[in-house]
C-alpha cells in the first residue's frame, strides 16, 4: 500500500479491500472511491495493551482507521511530509510526527531511558517531546511530518551524529542515543548560541532531522 508524494506537503495513499491504514485524526484532505474513516481505539497491531501503554506514556496521538477501496490525500497543518519505507526494521518516531502508516506495521511505545539511561530521560524533558517515543515495526510505509522538510543523516559505527533535540523527528536501525552538553564559558555569561544540549546518536542506522526547531 504505497504512499505517493503529491507535493512536499501532501501524500496520496492507495487503499485496497481487505487492507487497513491508520492516520492522524484530521489528516484526511480528500478521497476518491468507497473509503471509510473510523476512530481507532488500539491504533495498530500493538493491541489493547499497547494502547494502554501509549496512554500511560502520554504518547497516544488520536488515530483514525482507514479502510475501503480508493485513494486518500493526507496532509496536516501545512507541514512537510517524508515517506519512510520499512523492511522488517523498526522506526522510532515522535507520536505527533505521524501522519499515516500501513496497518501491517506493529505499533508500540518505548521508554527513551532504555536507550540512553538517565540522559535519555533528560532528553525528553529538554526537548518537550516526552520520555517515551512511538515504535513502528515490520514491512510497510510510514508518512511523517516535519517543519521545513526532512534530511536523512546516516549513522555509522565509530562516528556519532549530534542533533538538536528540537530538530529530531525519528530514527531507525541499531542506534543508541544520549543527551550531551556543550556548555562553555560563553553560555555561562549569556553569549552562547543556545545549543547547550545535543542528542548524540551512535551505532548503525539513520536519523531524520527537520529543518526547523519549531514544534508541531
C-alpha atoms as a PDB file:
ATOM      1  CA  UNK A   1       0.000   0.000   0.000  1.00  0.00           C
ATOM      2  CA  UNK A   2       2.470   2.640  -1.172  1.00  0.00           C
ATOM      3  CA  UNK A   3       2.399   6.359  -0.479  1.00  0.00           C
ATOM      4  CA  UNK A   4       2.917   8.763  -3.348  1.00  0.00           C
ATOM      5  CA  UNK A   5       4.082  12.308  -2.672  1.00  0.00           C
ATOM      6  CA  UNK A   6       1.780  14.768  -4.448  1.00  0.00           C
ATOM      7  CA  UNK A   7       3.989  17.646  -3.333  1.00  0.00           C
ATOM      8  CA  UNK A   8       6.177  18.379  -0.319  1.00  0.00           C
ATOM      9  CA  UNK A   9       3.135  18.726   1.969  1.00  0.00           C
ATOM     10  CA  UNK A  10       0.586  16.212   0.638  1.00  0.00           C
ATOM     11  CA  UNK A  11       0.806  12.440   0.247  1.00  0.00           C
ATOM     12  CA  UNK A  12      -1.599  10.134  -1.583  1.00  0.00           C
ATOM     13  CA  UNK A  13      -2.330   6.603  -0.347  1.00  0.00           C
ATOM     14  CA  UNK A  14      -3.975   3.764  -2.236  1.00  0.00           C
ATOM     15  CA  UNK A  15      -6.491   1.759  -0.165  1.00  0.00           C
ATOM     16  CA  UNK A  16      -7.492  -1.716  -1.334  1.00  0.00           C
ATOM     17  CA  UNK A  17     -10.239  -4.027   0.006  1.00  0.00           C
ATOM     18  CA  UNK A  18      -9.026  -6.047   2.984  1.00  0.00           C
ATOM     19  CA  UNK A  19      -6.249  -3.604   3.816  1.00  0.00           C
ATOM     20  CA  UNK A  20      -6.085  -1.136   6.691  1.00  0.00           C
ATOM     21  CA  UNK A  21      -4.283   2.137   7.183  1.00  0.00           C
ATOM     22  CA  UNK A  22      -4.020   4.433  10.193  1.00  0.00           C
ATOM     23  CA  UNK A  23      -3.777   8.212  10.062  1.00  0.00           C
ATOM     24  CA  UNK A  24      -3.681  11.080  12.493  1.00  0.00           C
ATOM     25  CA  UNK A  25      -7.180  12.421  13.080  1.00  0.00           C
ATOM     26  CA  UNK A  26      -7.884  15.439  10.932  1.00  0.00           C
ATOM     27  CA  UNK A  27      -5.217  14.491   8.377  1.00  0.00           C
ATOM     28  CA  UNK A  28      -7.604  13.454   5.593  1.00  0.00           C
ATOM     29  CA  UNK A  29      -7.780  16.191   2.942  1.00  0.00           C
ATOM     30  CA  UNK A  30      -9.801  14.426   0.229  1.00  0.00           C
ATOM     31  CA  UNK A  31     -10.535  10.948  -1.086  1.00  0.00           C
ATOM     32  CA  UNK A  32     -11.886   9.089  -4.100  1.00  0.00           C
ATOM     33  CA  UNK A  33     -13.785   5.810  -4.081  1.00  0.00           C
ATOM     34  CA  UNK A  34     -15.518   3.946  -1.260  1.00  0.00           C
ATOM     35  CA  UNK A  35     -13.394   4.743   1.791  1.00  0.00           C
ATOM     36  CA  UNK A  36     -14.455   4.644   5.454  1.00  0.00           C
ATOM     37  CA  UNK A  37     -12.861   6.511   8.376  1.00  0.00           C
ATOM     38  CA  UNK A  38     -13.466   5.403  11.962  1.00  0.00           C
ATOM     39  CA  UNK A  39     -11.795   6.349  15.271  1.00  0.00           C
ATOM     40  CA  UNK A  40      -9.109   3.849  16.238  1.00  0.00           C
ATOM     41  CA  UNK A  41      -9.100   2.531  19.805  1.00  0.00           C
ATOM     42  CA  UNK A  42      -5.972   0.369  19.683  1.00  0.00           C
ATOM     43  CA  UNK A  43      -4.156   2.173  16.837  1.00  0.00           C
ATOM     44  CA  UNK A  44      -2.426  -0.678  15.059  1.00  0.00           C
ATOM     45  CA  UNK A  45      -1.327  -4.215  15.727  1.00  0.00           C
ATOM     46  CA  UNK A  46       0.004  -3.447  19.188  1.00  0.00           C
ATOM     47  CA  UNK A  47      -3.400  -4.384  20.601  1.00  0.00           C
ATOM     48  CA  UNK A  48      -5.114  -3.136  23.740  1.00  0.00           C
ATOM     49  CA  UNK A  49      -2.012  -3.441  25.938  1.00  0.00           C
ATOM     50  CA  UNK A  50      -0.036  -1.304  23.507  1.00  0.00           C
ATOM     51  CA  UNK A  51      -2.841   1.254  23.560  1.00  0.00           C
ATOM     52  CA  UNK A  52      -2.817   1.338  27.378  1.00  0.00           C
ATOM     53  CA  UNK A  53       0.960   1.731  27.362  1.00  0.00           C
ATOM     54  CA  UNK A  54       0.753   4.680  24.977  1.00  0.00           C
ATOM     55  CA  UNK A  55      -1.875   6.401  27.103  1.00  0.00           C
ATOM     56  CA  UNK A  56       0.150   5.934  30.269  1.00  0.00           C
ATOM     57  CA  UNK A  57       3.153   7.324  28.385  1.00  0.00           C
ATOM     58  CA  UNK A  58       1.109  10.261  27.059  1.00  0.00           C
ATOM     59  CA  UNK A  59       2.135   9.065  23.591  1.00  0.00           C
ATOM     60  CA  UNK A  60      -1.378   8.434  22.313  1.00  0.00           C
ATOM     61  CA  UNK A  61      -1.953  10.798  19.404  1.00  0.00           C
ATOM     62  CA  UNK A  62      -5.574  10.175  18.256  1.00  0.00           C
ATOM     63  CA  UNK A  63      -5.696   7.945  15.175  1.00  0.00           C
ATOM     64  CA  UNK A  64      -8.255   7.067  12.518  1.00  0.00           C
ATOM     65  CA  UNK A  65      -8.688   3.677  10.877  1.00  0.00           C
ATOM     66  CA  UNK A  66      -8.889   3.980   7.081  1.00  0.00           C
ATOM     67  CA  UNK A  67     -10.426   1.131   5.051  1.00  0.00           C
ATOM     68  CA  UNK A  68     -12.175   0.582   1.732  1.00  0.00           C
ATOM     69  CA  UNK A  69     -11.328   0.855  -1.941  1.00  0.00           C
ATOM     70  CA  UNK A  70      -9.948   4.122  -3.282  1.00  0.00           C
ATOM     71  CA  UNK A  71      -7.288   6.764  -2.783  1.00  0.00           C
ATOM     72  CA  UNK A  72      -6.851   9.268   0.047  1.00  0.00           C
ATOM     73  CA  UNK A  73      -4.929  12.532   0.233  1.00  0.00           C
ATOM     74  CA  UNK A  74      -3.277  13.185   3.604  1.00  0.00           C
ATOM     75  CA  UNK A  75      -1.734  16.368   4.974  1.00  0.00           C
ATOM     76  CA  UNK A  76      -1.784  18.277   8.240  1.00  0.00           C
ATOM     77  CA  UNK A  77      -1.081  21.873   9.217  1.00  0.00           C
ATOM     78  CA  UNK A  78       0.886  22.577   6.053  1.00  0.00           C
ATOM     79  CA  UNK A  79       3.814  20.532   7.397  1.00  0.00           C
ATOM     80  CA  UNK A  80       6.291  18.889   5.068  1.00  0.00           C
ATOM     81  CA  UNK A  81       5.885  15.133   4.596  1.00  0.00           C
ATOM     82  CA  UNK A  82       8.553  12.439   4.415  1.00  0.00           C
ATOM     83  CA  UNK A  83       7.823   8.804   3.459  1.00  0.00           C
ATOM     84  CA  UNK A  84       9.835   6.087   5.227  1.00  0.00           C
ATOM     85  CA  UNK A  85       9.724   2.501   3.895  1.00  0.00           C
ATOM     86  CA  UNK A  86      10.361  -0.266   6.433  1.00  0.00           C
ATOM     87  CA  UNK A  87      11.576  -3.756   5.512  1.00  0.00           C
ATOM     88  CA  UNK A  88      11.283  -5.633   8.786  1.00  0.00           C
ATOM     89  CA  UNK A  89      13.090  -2.976  10.829  1.00  0.00           C
ATOM     90  CA  UNK A  90      11.805  -0.529  13.451  1.00  0.00           C
ATOM     91  CA  UNK A  91      11.175   3.197  13.209  1.00  0.00           C
ATOM     92  CA  UNK A  92      11.341   5.267  16.407  1.00  0.00           C
ATOM     93  CA  UNK A  93       9.249   8.387  15.889  1.00  0.00           C
ATOM     94  CA  UNK A  94       7.573  11.099  17.958  1.00  0.00           C
ATOM     95  CA  UNK A  95       3.821  10.397  18.018  1.00  0.00           C
ATOM     96  CA  UNK A  96       2.855  13.891  16.899  1.00  0.00           C
ATOM     97  CA  UNK A  97       5.072  13.471  13.819  1.00  0.00           C
ATOM     98  CA  UNK A  98       2.990  10.587  12.471  1.00  0.00           C
ATOM     99  CA  UNK A  99       0.747  11.463   9.540  1.00  0.00           C
ATOM    100  CA  UNK A 100      -0.254   7.984   8.319  1.00  0.00           C
ATOM    101  CA  UNK A 101       1.115   4.434   8.249  1.00  0.00           C
ATOM    102  CA  UNK A 102       0.362   0.931   6.999  1.00  0.00           C
ATOM    103  CA  UNK A 103      -1.881  -1.211   9.176  1.00  0.00           C
ATOM    104  CA  UNK A 104       0.568  -4.077   8.666  1.00  0.00           C
ATOM    105  CA  UNK A 105       3.062  -2.334  10.961  1.00  0.00           C
ATOM    106  CA  UNK A 106       3.098  -3.188  14.652  1.00  0.00           C
ATOM    107  CA  UNK A 107       2.873  -0.111  16.849  1.00  0.00           C
ATOM    108  CA  UNK A 108       4.277   0.168  20.342  1.00  0.00           C
ATOM    109  CA  UNK A 109       5.870   2.544  22.844  1.00  0.00           C
ATOM    110  CA  UNK A 110       9.459   2.659  24.051  1.00  0.00           C
ATOM    111  CA  UNK A 111      10.799   4.354  27.168  1.00  0.00           C
ATOM    112  CA  UNK A 112      13.616   6.590  25.958  1.00  0.00           C
ATOM    113  CA  UNK A 113      15.590   5.892  29.129  1.00  0.00           C
ATOM    114  CA  UNK A 114      16.137   2.332  27.922  1.00  0.00           C
ATOM    115  CA  UNK A 115      18.215   3.701  25.049  1.00  0.00           C
ATOM    116  CA  UNK A 116      20.059   6.375  26.944  1.00  0.00           C
ATOM    117  CA  UNK A 117      19.789   5.758  30.700  1.00  0.00           C
ATOM    118  CA  UNK A 118      19.184   8.853  32.773  1.00  0.00           C
ATOM    119  CA  UNK A 119      20.335  11.057  29.919  1.00  0.00           C
ATOM    120  CA  UNK A 120      17.629   9.576  27.742  1.00  0.00           C
ATOM    121  CA  UNK A 121      15.099  10.720  30.318  1.00  0.00           C
ATOM    122  CA  UNK A 122      16.610  14.199  30.434  1.00  0.00           C
ATOM    123  CA  UNK A 123      16.408  14.363  26.641  1.00  0.00           C
ATOM    124  CA  UNK A 124      12.635  14.045  26.883  1.00  0.00           C
ATOM    125  CA  UNK A 125      12.392  16.826  29.413  1.00  0.00           C
ATOM    126  CA  UNK A 126      14.628  19.190  27.430  1.00  0.00           C
ATOM    127  CA  UNK A 127      13.012  18.533  24.052  1.00  0.00           C
ATOM    128  CA  UNK A 128       9.485  18.741  25.433  1.00  0.00           C
ATOM    129  CA  UNK A 129       8.630  15.592  23.452  1.00  0.00           C
ATOM    130  CA  UNK A 130       8.154  13.346  26.478  1.00  0.00           C
ATOM    131  CA  UNK A 131      10.088  10.425  27.901  1.00  0.00           C
ATOM    132  CA  UNK A 132       8.549   7.913  25.513  1.00  0.00           C
ATOM    133  CA  UNK A 133       8.561   7.503  21.758  1.00  0.00           C
ATOM    134  CA  UNK A 134       6.364   5.512  19.366  1.00  0.00           C
ATOM    135  CA  UNK A 135       7.754   2.471  17.552  1.00  0.00           C
ATOM    136  CA  UNK A 136       6.554   1.089  14.219  1.00  0.00           C
ATOM    137  CA  UNK A 137       7.928  -2.305  13.232  1.00  0.00           C
ATOM    138  CA  UNK A 138       7.524  -4.627  10.242  1.00  0.00           C
ATOM    139  CA  UNK A 139       7.085  -4.301   6.495  1.00  0.00           C
ATOM    140  CA  UNK A 140       5.266  -1.206   5.259  1.00  0.00           C
ATOM    141  CA  UNK A 141       5.415   2.547   4.830  1.00  0.00           C
ATOM    142  CA  UNK A 142       5.138   5.500   7.180  1.00  0.00           C
ATOM    143  CA  UNK A 143       4.434   9.140   6.341  1.00  0.00           C
ATOM    144  CA  UNK A 144       5.926  11.515   8.927  1.00  0.00           C
ATOM    145  CA  UNK A 145       5.580  15.282   9.273  1.00  0.00           C
ATOM    146  CA  UNK A 146       8.213  17.929   9.881  1.00  0.00           C
ATOM    147  CA  UNK A 147       8.819  21.667   9.757  1.00  0.00           C
ATOM    148  CA  UNK A 148      10.635  22.831   6.642  1.00  0.00           C
ATOM    149  CA  UNK A 149      11.400  19.394   5.240  1.00  0.00           C
ATOM    150  CA  UNK A 150      13.478  16.424   6.431  1.00  0.00           C
ATOM    151  CA  UNK A 151      17.080  15.439   5.852  1.00  0.00           C
ATOM    152  CA  UNK A 152      18.318  11.857   6.334  1.00  0.00           C
ATOM    153  CA  UNK A 153      21.654  11.548   8.135  1.00  0.00           C
ATOM    154  CA  UNK A 154      23.345   8.115   8.145  1.00  0.00           C
ATOM    155  CA  UNK A 155      24.728   6.861  11.455  1.00  0.00           C
ATOM    156  CA  UNK A 156      27.866   4.730  11.109  1.00  0.00           C
ATOM    157  CA  UNK A 157      29.964   2.872  13.709  1.00  0.00           C
ATOM    158  CA  UNK A 158      32.594   4.988  15.412  1.00  0.00           C
ATOM    159  CA  UNK A 159      31.100   8.285  14.262  1.00  0.00           C
ATOM    160  CA  UNK A 160      28.320   9.839  16.331  1.00  0.00           C
ATOM    161  CA  UNK A 161      25.719  12.139  14.837  1.00  0.00           C
ATOM    162  CA  UNK A 162      24.744  15.093  17.023  1.00  0.00           C
ATOM    163  CA  UNK A 163      21.257  16.547  16.619  1.00  0.00           C
ATOM    164  CA  UNK A 164      19.438  19.417  18.292  1.00  0.00           C
ATOM    165  CA  UNK A 165      16.678  17.689  20.345  1.00  0.00           C
ATOM    166  CA  UNK A 166      14.051  20.041  18.921  1.00  0.00           C
ATOM    167  CA  UNK A 167      15.088  19.163  15.351  1.00  0.00           C
ATOM    168  CA  UNK A 168      14.871  15.403  15.932  1.00  0.00           C
ATOM    169  CA  UNK A 169      11.995  13.666  14.095  1.00  0.00           C
ATOM    170  CA  UNK A 170      12.753   9.931  14.080  1.00  0.00           C
ATOM    171  CA  UNK A 171      15.457   7.305  13.735  1.00  0.00           C
ATOM    172  CA  UNK A 172      15.816   3.681  12.668  1.00  0.00           C
ATOM    173  CA  UNK A 173      18.384   0.912  12.939  1.00  0.00           C
ATOM    174  CA  UNK A 174      20.562  -0.303  15.782  1.00  0.00           C
ATOM    175  CA  UNK A 175      21.041   3.109  17.343  1.00  0.00           C
ATOM    176  CA  UNK A 176      21.672   4.319  20.875  1.00  0.00           C
ATOM    177  CA  UNK A 177      21.025   7.879  21.978  1.00  0.00           C
ATOM    178  CA  UNK A 178      22.247  10.021  24.819  1.00  0.00           C
ATOM    179  CA  UNK A 179      21.981  13.674  25.717  1.00  0.00           C
ATOM    180  CA  UNK A 180      25.242  15.592  25.777  1.00  0.00           C
ATOM    181  CA  UNK A 181      26.042  19.110  26.916  1.00  0.00           C
ATOM    182  CA  UNK A 182      28.140  21.659  25.099  1.00  0.00           C
ATOM    183  CA  UNK A 183      28.076  24.384  27.723  1.00  0.00           C
ATOM    184  CA  UNK A 184      31.192  26.537  27.797  1.00  0.00           C
ATOM    185  CA  UNK A 185      32.118  29.919  29.182  1.00  0.00           C
ATOM    186  CA  UNK A 186      30.073  31.724  26.518  1.00  0.00           C
ATOM    187  CA  UNK A 187      26.875  30.016  27.698  1.00  0.00           C
ATOM    188  CA  UNK A 188      27.726  30.772  31.303  1.00  0.00           C
ATOM    189  CA  UNK A 189      27.973  34.511  30.595  1.00  0.00           C
ATOM    190  CA  UNK A 190      24.967  34.511  28.272  1.00  0.00           C
ATOM    191  CA  UNK A 191      26.847  34.873  24.996  1.00  0.00           C
ATOM    192  CA  UNK A 192      26.379  31.388  23.593  1.00  0.00           C
ATOM    193  CA  UNK A 193      24.204  30.284  20.704  1.00  0.00           C
ATOM    194  CA  UNK A 194      21.789  28.417  22.963  1.00  0.00           C
ATOM    195  CA  UNK A 195      22.793  24.991  21.589  1.00  0.00           C
ATOM    196  CA  UNK A 196      23.665  23.799  25.091  1.00  0.00           C
ATOM    197  CA  UNK A 197      22.141  20.319  24.700  1.00  0.00           C
ATOM    198  CA  UNK A 198      22.632  17.877  21.850  1.00  0.00           C
ATOM    199  CA  UNK A 199      21.234  14.424  21.135  1.00  0.00           C
ATOM    200  CA  UNK A 200      24.142  12.100  20.281  1.00  0.00           C
ATOM    201  CA  UNK A 201      23.233   9.015  18.249  1.00  0.00           C
ATOM    202  CA  UNK A 202      25.652   6.134  17.708  1.00  0.00           C
ATOM    203  CA  UNK A 203      25.568   2.706  16.089  1.00  0.00           C
ATOM    204  CA  UNK A 204      24.265   1.847  12.634  1.00  0.00           C
ATOM    205  CA  UNK A 205      21.159   3.386  11.124  1.00  0.00           C
ATOM    206  CA  UNK A 206      19.551   6.620  10.036  1.00  0.00           C
ATOM    207  CA  UNK A 207      18.251   9.727  11.817  1.00  0.00           C
ATOM    208  CA  UNK A 208      15.639  12.049  10.341  1.00  0.00           C
ATOM    209  CA  UNK A 209      16.098  15.736  11.129  1.00  0.00           C
ATOM    210  CA  UNK A 210      13.723  18.596  10.377  1.00  0.00           C
ATOM    211  CA  UNK A 211      14.878  21.924   9.011  1.00  0.00           C
ATOM    212  CA  UNK A 212      13.235  23.956  11.770  1.00  0.00           C
ATOM    213  CA  UNK A 213      13.368  23.636  15.559  1.00  0.00           C
ATOM    214  CA  UNK A 214       9.696  24.559  15.918  1.00  0.00           C
ATOM    215  CA  UNK A 215       7.296  22.070  17.496  1.00  0.00           C
ATOM    216  CA  UNK A 216       4.354  20.706  15.542  1.00  0.00           C
END
